[in-house]
Amino acid sequence: MTERFSNHELASLRDELLQSGLDSWQAAEFISNFLSGRGYGVSSHGAREAATRIESVGCSFESMHRELEKLALVM
């Protein structure tokens, strides 16, 4: 499987999420914007679930990468 996001993109997103102090709903919106800005479709419900799962494991790079790869819908 080809990875859709570079390590640099993911590291930047992770840093923004950790430093911004967003709640899960806001983080889901931020994630949605990240994906749509790169040409991917995203379900709002899926983004909220992904944000919650990412948050529950401490926003680890690996978990975030896994969640975004599953969440991004090719348009």
C-alpha atoms as a PDB file:
ATOM      1  CA  MET A   1       0.000   0.000   0.000  1.00  0.00           C
ATOM      2  CA  THR A   2       1.352   3.418  -0.945  1.00  0.00           C
ATOM      3  CA  GLU A   3       1.472   5.979   1.835  1.00  0.00           C
ATOM      4  CA  ARG A   4      -0.546   9.091   1.060  1.00  0.00           C
ATOM      5  CA  PHE A   5       1.202  11.484   3.421  1.00  0.00           C
ATOM      6  CA  SER A   6       4.844  12.292   3.947  1.00  0.00           C
ATOM      7  CA  ASN A   7       6.421  12.070   7.362  1.00  0.00           C
ATOM      8  CA  HIS A   8       6.975  15.835   7.217  1.00  0.00           C
ATOM      9  CA  GLU A   9       3.259  16.530   6.592  1.00  0.00           C
ATOM     10  CA  LEU A  10       2.241  14.242   9.424  1.00  0.00           C
ATOM     11  CA  ALA A  11       4.817  15.659  11.819  1.00  0.00           C
ATOM     12  CA  SER A  12       3.577  19.183  11.084  1.00  0.00           C
ATOM     13  CA  LEU A  13      -0.044  18.162  11.610  1.00  0.00           C
ATOM     14  CA  ARG A  14       0.824  16.371  14.846  1.00  0.00           C
ATOM     15  CA  ASP A  15       2.716  19.393  16.165  1.00  0.00           C
ATOM     16  CA  GLU A  16      -0.203  21.692  15.323  1.00  0.00           C
ATOM     17  CA  LEU A  17      -2.680  19.385  17.061  1.00  0.00           C
ATOM     18  CA  LEU A  18      -0.524  19.070  20.175  1.00  0.00           C
ATOM     19  CA  GLN A  19       0.202  22.793  20.465  1.00  0.00           C
ATOM     20  CA  SER A  20      -3.255  24.123  19.634  1.00  0.00           C
ATOM     21  CA  GLY A  21      -5.165  22.768  22.645  1.00  0.00           C
ATOM     22  CA  LEU A  22      -8.162  21.827  20.504  1.00  0.00           C
ATOM     23  CA  ASP A  23     -10.949  19.620  21.814  1.00  0.00           C
ATOM     24  CA  SER A  24     -11.943  16.471  19.877  1.00  0.00           C
ATOM     25  CA  TRP A  25     -14.541  18.264  17.739  1.00  0.00           C
ATOM     26  CA  GLN A  26     -12.120  21.021  16.787  1.00  0.00           C
ATOM     27  CA  ALA A  27      -9.365  18.487  16.137  1.00  0.00           C
ATOM     28  CA  ALA A  28     -11.734  16.596  13.817  1.00  0.00           C
ATOM     29  CA  GLU A  29     -12.376  19.795  11.873  1.00  0.00           C
ATOM     30  CA  PHE A  30      -8.644  20.468  11.702  1.00  0.00           C
ATOM     31  CA  ILE A  31      -8.024  16.931  10.410  1.00  0.00           C
ATOM     32  CA  SER A  32     -10.834  17.322   7.855  1.00  0.00           C
ATOM     33  CA  ASN A  33      -9.268  20.541   6.596  1.00  0.00           C
ATOM     34  CA  PHE A  34      -5.857  18.864   6.387  1.00  0.00           C
ATOM     35  CA  LEU A  35      -7.262  16.046   4.254  1.00  0.00           C
ATOM     36  CA  SER A  36      -9.503  18.155   2.039  1.00  0.00           C
ATOM     37  CA  GLY A  37      -6.651  20.578   1.450  1.00  0.00           C
ATOM     38  CA  ARG A  38      -4.731  17.683  -0.071  1.00  0.00           C
ATOM     39  CA  GLY A  39      -7.579  16.612  -2.328  1.00  0.00           C
ATOM     40  CA  TYR A  40      -9.090  13.871  -0.180  1.00  0.00           C
ATOM     41  CA  GLY A  41     -12.682  13.492   0.810  1.00  0.00           C
ATOM     42  CA  VAL A  42     -13.446  12.881   4.439  1.00  0.00           C
ATOM     43  CA  SER A  43     -16.488  11.919   6.447  1.00  0.00           C
ATOM     44  CA  SER A  44     -17.205  14.320   9.326  1.00  0.00           C
ATOM     45  CA  HIS A  45     -18.258  11.394  11.494  1.00  0.00           C
ATOM     46  CA  GLY A  46     -15.120   9.470  10.538  1.00  0.00           C
ATOM     47  CA  ALA A  47     -12.943  12.484  11.339  1.00  0.00           C
ATOM     48  CA  ARG A  48     -14.496  12.780  14.817  1.00  0.00           C
ATOM     49  CA  GLU A  49     -13.916   9.076  15.480  1.00  0.00           C
ATOM     50  CA  ALA A  50     -10.329   9.307  14.229  1.00  0.00           C
ATOM     51  CA  ALA A  51      -9.650  12.395  16.368  1.00  0.00           C
ATOM     52  CA  THR A  52     -10.971  10.583  19.425  1.00  0.00           C
ATOM     53  CA  ARG A  53      -8.841   7.486  18.726  1.00  0.00           C
ATOM     54  CA  ILE A  54      -5.741   9.599  18.075  1.00  0.00           C
ATOM     55  CA  GLU A  55      -6.334  11.528  21.295  1.00  0.00           C
ATOM     56  CA  SER A  56      -6.868   8.343  23.315  1.00  0.00           C
ATOM     57  CA  VAL A  57      -3.406   7.017  22.440  1.00  0.00           C
ATOM     58  CA  GLY A  58      -1.613  10.296  23.131  1.00  0.00           C
ATOM     59  CA  CYS A  59      -1.429  11.485  19.512  1.00  0.00           C
ATOM     60  CA  SER A  60       1.418   9.138  18.669  1.00  0.00           C
ATOM     61  CA  PHE A  61       2.858   9.583  15.200  1.00  0.00           C
ATOM     62  CA  GLU A  62       2.131   5.973  14.269  1.00  0.00           C
ATOM     63  CA  SER A  63      -1.490   6.028  15.395  1.00  0.00           C
ATOM     64  CA  MET A  64      -2.128   9.317  13.638  1.00  0.00           C
ATOM     65  CA  HIS A  65      -0.580   8.019  10.434  1.00  0.00           C
ATOM     66  CA  ARG A  66      -2.681   4.849  10.565  1.00  0.00           C
ATOM     67  CA  GLU A  67      -5.913   6.763  11.229  1.00  0.00           C
ATOM     68  CA  LEU A  68      -5.360   9.294   8.452  1.00  0.00           C
ATOM     69  CA  GLU A  69      -4.488   6.601   5.923  1.00  0.00           C
ATOM     70  CA  LYS A  70      -7.792   4.875   6.749  1.00  0.00           C
ATOM     71  CA  LEU A  71      -9.786   8.103   6.806  1.00  0.00           C
ATOM     72  CA  ALA A  72      -8.667   9.743   3.534  1.00  0.00           C
ATOM     73  CA  LEU A  73     -11.139   9.053   0.730  1.00  0.00           C
ATOM     74  CA  VAL A  74      -9.791   9.315  -2.792  1.00  0.00           C
ATOM     75  CA  MET A  75     -11.850  11.767  -4.815  1.00  0.00           C
END
